[in-house]
C-alpha cells in the first residue's frame, strides 16, 4: 500500500491557524479521515470526508473551527484549522479507507503545537 504523507504541522499561538495537507497517491477513491493523538491520550477522531466530498463529519471539539476538504485532481486532502487552542496540541494523522468509517492506510503524523 502506498503510504500517506502529511505536512503543514508546526508551532502556532492560541487563536492562530494552520493548514495540514495529506497526499494520497494511489488512493483516489478513498474516504479520508484526520485523527489526532495528544501526549498520554488515545488517538481520537477529528473529521472525515467521503471520496466524493459529499459526506463530511466533525468531532464536536473541532466543529466550527476546522474544515476538511479534498482535491481529487491533486490527490490531496486538507485540514484547515482556525481558532486553535492549546488543547488542539497533538500529532495529527491522516488515514484512508474504502469503507466509510474504516481506515486501513495511515500516515506517519505531523506535530501541531498550540502555545497559550
N, C-alpha and C. Protein backbone atom coordinates (compact mmCIF):
# COMPACT_ATOMS: atom_id res chain seq x y z
N UNK A 1 0.83 -1.18 0.00
CA UNK A 1 0.00 0.00 0.00
C UNK A 1 0.87 1.24 0.00
N UNK A 2 0.45 2.24 -0.77
CA UNK A 2 1.20 3.49 -0.84
C UNK A 2 0.94 4.29 0.44
N UNK A 3 1.97 4.68 1.16
CA UNK A 3 1.76 5.42 2.41
C UNK A 3 1.23 6.82 2.15
N UNK A 4 0.60 7.37 3.17
CA UNK A 4 0.11 8.73 3.10
C UNK A 4 1.18 9.67 3.64
N UNK A 5 1.17 10.91 3.20
CA UNK A 5 2.20 11.88 3.59
C UNK A 5 1.55 13.15 4.10
N UNK A 6 1.63 13.38 5.42
CA UNK A 6 1.10 14.61 5.99
C UNK A 6 2.16 15.70 5.98
N UNK A 7 1.71 16.93 5.93
CA UNK A 7 2.60 18.08 6.06
C UNK A 7 1.81 19.27 6.57
N UNK A 8 2.52 20.29 7.02
CA UNK A 8 1.85 21.51 7.44
C UNK A 8 1.79 21.74 8.93
N UNK A 9 2.26 20.79 9.71
CA UNK A 9 2.24 20.98 11.14
C UNK A 9 3.25 22.03 11.58
N UNK A 10 3.18 22.41 12.85
CA UNK A 10 4.12 23.39 13.36
C UNK A 10 3.67 23.95 14.68
N UNK A 11 4.31 25.05 15.06
CA UNK A 11 4.01 25.74 16.31
C UNK A 11 3.24 27.02 16.01
N UNK A 12 2.14 27.21 16.72
CA UNK A 12 1.31 28.40 16.49
C UNK A 12 0.76 28.87 17.83
N UNK A 13 0.50 30.15 17.93
CA UNK A 13 -0.09 30.68 19.16
C UNK A 13 -1.59 30.41 19.18
N UNK A 14 -2.13 30.37 20.36
CA UNK A 14 -3.57 30.19 20.51
C UNK A 14 -4.30 31.27 19.71
N UNK A 15 -5.34 30.84 19.03
CA UNK A 15 -6.11 31.74 18.17
C UNK A 15 -5.63 31.77 16.74
N UNK A 16 -4.48 31.17 16.49
CA UNK A 16 -3.91 31.15 15.16
C UNK A 16 -4.48 30.04 14.30
N UNK A 17 -3.90 29.90 13.10
CA UNK A 17 -4.39 28.93 12.12
C UNK A 17 -3.23 28.13 11.53
N UNK A 18 -3.56 26.94 11.11
CA UNK A 18 -2.64 26.09 10.36
C UNK A 18 -3.45 25.32 9.33
N UNK A 19 -2.80 24.94 8.25
CA UNK A 19 -3.44 24.07 7.28
C UNK A 19 -2.57 22.84 7.07
N UNK A 20 -3.15 21.71 7.35
CA UNK A 20 -2.47 20.45 7.13
C UNK A 20 -2.85 19.90 5.75
N UNK A 21 -1.90 19.21 5.15
CA UNK A 21 -2.15 18.56 3.87
C UNK A 21 -1.81 17.09 3.98
N UNK A 22 -2.49 16.29 3.22
CA UNK A 22 -2.23 14.86 3.20
C UNK A 22 -2.25 14.41 1.75
N UNK A 23 -1.10 13.99 1.24
CA UNK A 23 -1.01 13.47 -0.12
C UNK A 23 -1.44 12.01 -0.11
N UNK A 24 -2.33 11.67 -1.02
CA UNK A 24 -2.89 10.34 -1.04
C UNK A 24 -2.70 9.65 -2.38
N UNK A 25 -1.50 9.59 -2.91
CA UNK A 25 -1.28 8.90 -4.18
C UNK A 25 -1.63 7.43 -4.06
N UNK A 26 -2.33 6.93 -5.04
CA UNK A 26 -2.68 5.52 -5.02
C UNK A 26 -3.97 5.23 -4.29
N UNK A 27 -4.64 6.27 -3.78
CA UNK A 27 -5.90 6.07 -3.06
C UNK A 27 -6.94 7.10 -3.51
N UNK A 28 -7.19 7.19 -4.81
CA UNK A 28 -8.05 8.27 -5.33
C UNK A 28 -9.51 8.17 -4.94
N UNK A 29 -9.98 6.99 -4.61
CA UNK A 29 -11.39 6.83 -4.31
C UNK A 29 -11.64 6.48 -2.85
N UNK A 30 -10.72 6.87 -2.02
CA UNK A 30 -10.84 6.53 -0.61
C UNK A 30 -11.57 7.61 0.17
N UNK A 31 -12.28 7.16 1.18
CA UNK A 31 -12.76 8.07 2.20
C UNK A 31 -11.55 8.44 3.05
N UNK A 32 -11.51 9.67 3.51
CA UNK A 32 -10.34 10.15 4.25
C UNK A 32 -10.74 10.66 5.62
N UNK A 33 -9.84 10.46 6.56
CA UNK A 33 -10.09 10.96 7.89
C UNK A 33 -8.84 11.60 8.47
N UNK A 34 -9.07 12.48 9.41
CA UNK A 34 -7.99 13.04 10.22
C UNK A 34 -8.22 12.63 11.67
N UNK A 35 -7.17 12.21 12.30
CA UNK A 35 -7.19 11.82 13.70
C UNK A 35 -6.07 12.56 14.41
N UNK A 36 -6.11 12.57 15.72
CA UNK A 36 -5.02 13.19 16.47
C UNK A 36 -4.78 12.43 17.76
N UNK A 37 -3.56 12.53 18.24
CA UNK A 37 -3.20 11.88 19.49
C UNK A 37 -2.35 12.84 20.32
N UNK A 38 -2.88 13.23 21.44
CA UNK A 38 -2.16 14.10 22.37
C UNK A 38 -1.33 13.24 23.31
N UNK A 39 -0.29 13.82 23.91
CA UNK A 39 0.56 13.05 24.83
C UNK A 39 -0.26 12.43 25.96
N UNK A 40 -0.07 11.14 26.16
CA UNK A 40 -0.76 10.45 27.25
C UNK A 40 -2.21 10.13 26.98
N UNK A 41 -2.67 10.41 25.78
CA UNK A 41 -4.08 10.16 25.45
C UNK A 41 -4.19 9.22 24.26
N UNK A 42 -5.37 8.64 24.10
CA UNK A 42 -5.61 7.76 22.97
C UNK A 42 -5.86 8.59 21.70
N UNK A 43 -5.62 7.94 20.57
CA UNK A 43 -5.91 8.59 19.30
C UNK A 43 -7.41 8.85 19.19
N UNK A 44 -7.77 10.04 18.72
CA UNK A 44 -9.18 10.38 18.61
C UNK A 44 -9.51 10.88 17.21
N UNK A 45 -10.75 10.67 16.84
CA UNK A 45 -11.27 11.11 15.55
C UNK A 45 -11.41 12.62 15.55
N UNK A 46 -11.05 13.24 14.42
CA UNK A 46 -11.20 14.68 14.27
C UNK A 46 -12.26 14.99 13.21
N UNK A 47 -12.07 14.43 12.00
CA UNK A 47 -13.00 14.73 10.92
C UNK A 47 -12.82 13.70 9.82
N UNK A 48 -13.82 13.58 8.97
CA UNK A 48 -13.75 12.65 7.85
C UNK A 48 -14.51 13.22 6.66
N UNK A 49 -14.09 12.80 5.48
CA UNK A 49 -14.74 13.24 4.24
C UNK A 49 -14.82 12.04 3.30
N UNK A 50 -15.97 11.88 2.65
CA UNK A 50 -16.12 10.79 1.70
C UNK A 50 -15.33 11.08 0.43
N UNK A 51 -15.14 10.05 -0.39
CA UNK A 51 -14.32 10.24 -1.59
C UNK A 51 -14.93 11.27 -2.52
N UNK A 52 -16.25 11.40 -2.51
CA UNK A 52 -16.92 12.37 -3.38
C UNK A 52 -16.91 13.77 -2.78
N UNK A 53 -16.63 13.85 -1.47
CA UNK A 53 -16.68 15.14 -0.79
C UNK A 53 -18.06 15.51 -0.29
N UNK A 54 -19.05 14.67 -0.55
CA UNK A 54 -20.43 15.00 -0.18
C UNK A 54 -20.65 14.83 1.33
N UNK A 55 -20.11 13.76 1.88
CA UNK A 55 -20.31 13.48 3.31
C UNK A 55 -19.11 13.94 4.12
N UNK A 56 -19.38 14.75 5.12
CA UNK A 56 -18.32 15.28 5.99
C UNK A 56 -18.82 15.24 7.43
N UNK A 57 -17.95 14.82 8.33
CA UNK A 57 -18.28 14.78 9.75
C UNK A 57 -17.14 15.38 10.57
N UNK A 58 -17.50 15.98 11.67
CA UNK A 58 -16.52 16.59 12.56
C UNK A 58 -16.78 16.14 13.99
N UNK A 59 -15.71 16.01 14.74
CA UNK A 59 -15.85 15.83 16.18
C UNK A 59 -16.39 17.13 16.77
N UNK A 60 -17.17 17.02 17.83
CA UNK A 60 -17.76 18.22 18.43
C UNK A 60 -16.69 19.21 18.87
N UNK A 61 -15.54 18.70 19.26
CA UNK A 61 -14.49 19.57 19.80
C UNK A 61 -13.89 20.50 18.75
N UNK A 62 -14.07 20.17 17.47
CA UNK A 62 -13.47 21.00 16.41
C UNK A 62 -14.51 21.62 15.50
N UNK A 63 -15.78 21.28 15.70
CA UNK A 63 -16.83 21.78 14.82
C UNK A 63 -16.87 23.31 14.86
N UNK A 64 -16.91 23.92 13.68
CA UNK A 64 -16.94 25.37 13.58
C UNK A 64 -15.57 26.00 13.52
N UNK A 65 -14.52 25.22 13.81
CA UNK A 65 -13.15 25.75 13.78
C UNK A 65 -12.30 25.08 12.71
N UNK A 66 -12.54 23.81 12.47
CA UNK A 66 -11.76 23.05 11.49
C UNK A 66 -12.61 22.78 10.25
N UNK A 67 -11.94 22.73 9.10
CA UNK A 67 -12.62 22.42 7.85
C UNK A 67 -11.80 21.42 7.06
N UNK A 68 -12.42 20.32 6.70
CA UNK A 68 -11.77 19.32 5.86
C UNK A 68 -12.22 19.53 4.41
N UNK A 69 -11.29 19.32 3.49
CA UNK A 69 -11.62 19.42 2.08
C UNK A 69 -10.67 18.51 1.31
N UNK A 70 -11.00 18.28 0.05
CA UNK A 70 -10.13 17.44 -0.76
C UNK A 70 -10.12 17.93 -2.19
N UNK A 71 -9.00 17.70 -2.83
CA UNK A 71 -8.83 17.99 -4.25
C UNK A 71 -8.40 16.69 -4.90
N UNK A 72 -9.34 15.97 -5.47
CA UNK A 72 -9.03 14.67 -6.03
C UNK A 72 -8.11 14.77 -7.24
N UNK A 73 -8.13 15.88 -7.95
CA UNK A 73 -7.22 16.06 -9.09
C UNK A 73 -5.77 16.12 -8.62
N UNK A 74 -5.56 16.58 -7.39
CA UNK A 74 -4.22 16.67 -6.82
C UNK A 74 -3.95 15.55 -5.82
N UNK A 75 -4.92 14.66 -5.67
CA UNK A 75 -4.76 13.56 -4.70
C UNK A 75 -4.35 14.07 -3.33
N UNK A 76 -5.02 15.11 -2.88
CA UNK A 76 -4.65 15.75 -1.62
C UNK A 76 -5.89 16.07 -0.80
N UNK A 77 -5.77 15.85 0.51
CA UNK A 77 -6.80 16.21 1.46
C UNK A 77 -6.24 17.27 2.39
N UNK A 78 -7.06 18.23 2.76
CA UNK A 78 -6.61 19.34 3.58
C UNK A 78 -7.40 19.40 4.88
N UNK A 79 -6.74 19.93 5.89
CA UNK A 79 -7.42 20.23 7.15
C UNK A 79 -7.06 21.66 7.53
N UNK A 80 -8.00 22.56 7.34
CA UNK A 80 -7.81 23.95 7.74
C UNK A 80 -8.24 24.08 9.20
N UNK A 81 -7.32 24.53 10.03
CA UNK A 81 -7.58 24.64 11.46
C UNK A 81 -7.49 26.10 11.88
N UNK A 82 -8.59 26.65 12.32
CA UNK A 82 -8.65 28.04 12.76
C UNK A 82 -8.97 28.10 14.25
N UNK A 83 -8.74 29.25 14.83
CA UNK A 83 -9.03 29.47 16.25
C UNK A 83 -8.44 28.35 17.11
N UNK A 84 -7.20 28.04 16.85
CA UNK A 84 -6.56 26.93 17.54
C UNK A 84 -6.44 27.19 19.04
N UNK A 85 -6.56 26.10 19.80
CA UNK A 85 -6.49 26.16 21.25
C UNK A 85 -5.33 25.27 21.73
N UNK A 86 -4.80 25.53 22.90
CA UNK A 86 -3.73 24.66 23.42
C UNK A 86 -4.14 23.19 23.47
N UNK A 87 -5.41 22.92 23.71
CA UNK A 87 -5.86 21.53 23.76
C UNK A 87 -5.91 20.86 22.39
N UNK A 88 -5.67 21.62 21.33
CA UNK A 88 -5.55 21.02 20.00
C UNK A 88 -4.15 20.46 19.76
N UNK A 89 -3.24 20.70 20.67
CA UNK A 89 -1.89 20.18 20.54
C UNK A 89 -1.89 18.66 20.48
N UNK A 90 -1.29 18.12 19.43
CA UNK A 90 -1.30 16.68 19.22
C UNK A 90 -0.52 16.35 17.96
N UNK A 91 -0.28 15.08 17.76
CA UNK A 91 0.19 14.59 16.47
C UNK A 91 -1.06 14.29 15.64
N UNK A 92 -1.11 14.85 14.45
CA UNK A 92 -2.26 14.68 13.58
C UNK A 92 -1.92 13.68 12.49
N UNK A 93 -2.84 12.73 12.30
CA UNK A 93 -2.66 11.68 11.32
C UNK A 93 -3.78 11.73 10.29
N UNK A 94 -3.44 11.50 9.04
CA UNK A 94 -4.49 11.27 8.06
C UNK A 94 -4.57 9.78 7.78
N UNK A 95 -5.74 9.36 7.37
CA UNK A 95 -5.99 7.95 7.13
C UNK A 95 -6.93 7.79 5.95
N UNK A 96 -6.79 6.66 5.27
CA UNK A 96 -7.61 6.38 4.09
C UNK A 96 -8.28 5.03 4.22
N UNK A 97 -9.46 4.92 3.66
CA UNK A 97 -10.16 3.64 3.67
C UNK A 97 -11.23 3.62 2.60
N UNK A 98 -11.57 2.42 2.14
CA UNK A 98 -12.58 2.30 1.11
C UNK A 98 -13.97 2.10 1.69
N UNK A 99 -14.05 1.72 2.95
CA UNK A 99 -15.33 1.59 3.62
C UNK A 99 -15.50 2.76 4.57
N UNK A 100 -16.64 3.38 4.54
CA UNK A 100 -16.88 4.57 5.37
C UNK A 100 -16.70 4.22 6.85
N UNK A 101 -15.85 4.98 7.51
CA UNK A 101 -15.61 4.76 8.93
C UNK A 101 -14.54 3.75 9.24
N UNK A 102 -13.96 3.15 8.23
CA UNK A 102 -12.90 2.16 8.42
C UNK A 102 -11.68 2.58 7.64
N UNK A 103 -10.52 2.61 8.32
CA UNK A 103 -9.31 3.12 7.69
C UNK A 103 -8.21 2.07 7.78
N UNK A 104 -7.55 1.83 6.67
CA UNK A 104 -6.53 0.79 6.66
C UNK A 104 -5.18 1.29 6.19
N UNK A 105 -5.08 2.58 5.85
CA UNK A 105 -3.79 3.16 5.47
C UNK A 105 -3.62 4.46 6.26
N UNK A 106 -2.46 4.60 6.88
CA UNK A 106 -2.22 5.75 7.75
C UNK A 106 -0.93 6.46 7.38
N UNK A 107 -0.87 7.74 7.69
CA UNK A 107 0.36 8.48 7.54
C UNK A 107 1.20 8.39 8.80
N UNK A 108 2.36 9.01 8.76
CA UNK A 108 3.29 8.98 9.89
C UNK A 108 2.94 10.02 10.95
N UNK A 109 2.13 10.99 10.58
CA UNK A 109 1.72 12.02 11.54
C UNK A 109 2.55 13.29 11.41
N UNK A 110 1.92 14.39 11.78
CA UNK A 110 2.60 15.68 11.81
C UNK A 110 2.24 16.39 13.11
N UNK A 111 3.24 16.97 13.75
CA UNK A 111 3.04 17.57 15.06
C UNK A 111 2.43 18.96 14.94
N UNK A 112 1.39 19.19 15.72
CA UNK A 112 0.79 20.51 15.85
C UNK A 112 0.90 20.92 17.31
N UNK A 113 1.52 22.05 17.56
CA UNK A 113 1.67 22.56 18.92
C UNK A 113 1.08 23.95 19.00
N UNK A 114 0.15 24.13 19.92
CA UNK A 114 -0.51 25.43 20.11
C UNK A 114 -0.10 25.97 21.47
N UNK A 115 0.57 27.11 21.46
CA UNK A 115 1.03 27.71 22.71
C UNK A 115 0.00 28.69 23.25
N UNK A 116 -0.07 28.79 24.56
CA UNK A 116 -1.05 29.68 25.18
C UNK A 116 -0.50 31.07 25.37
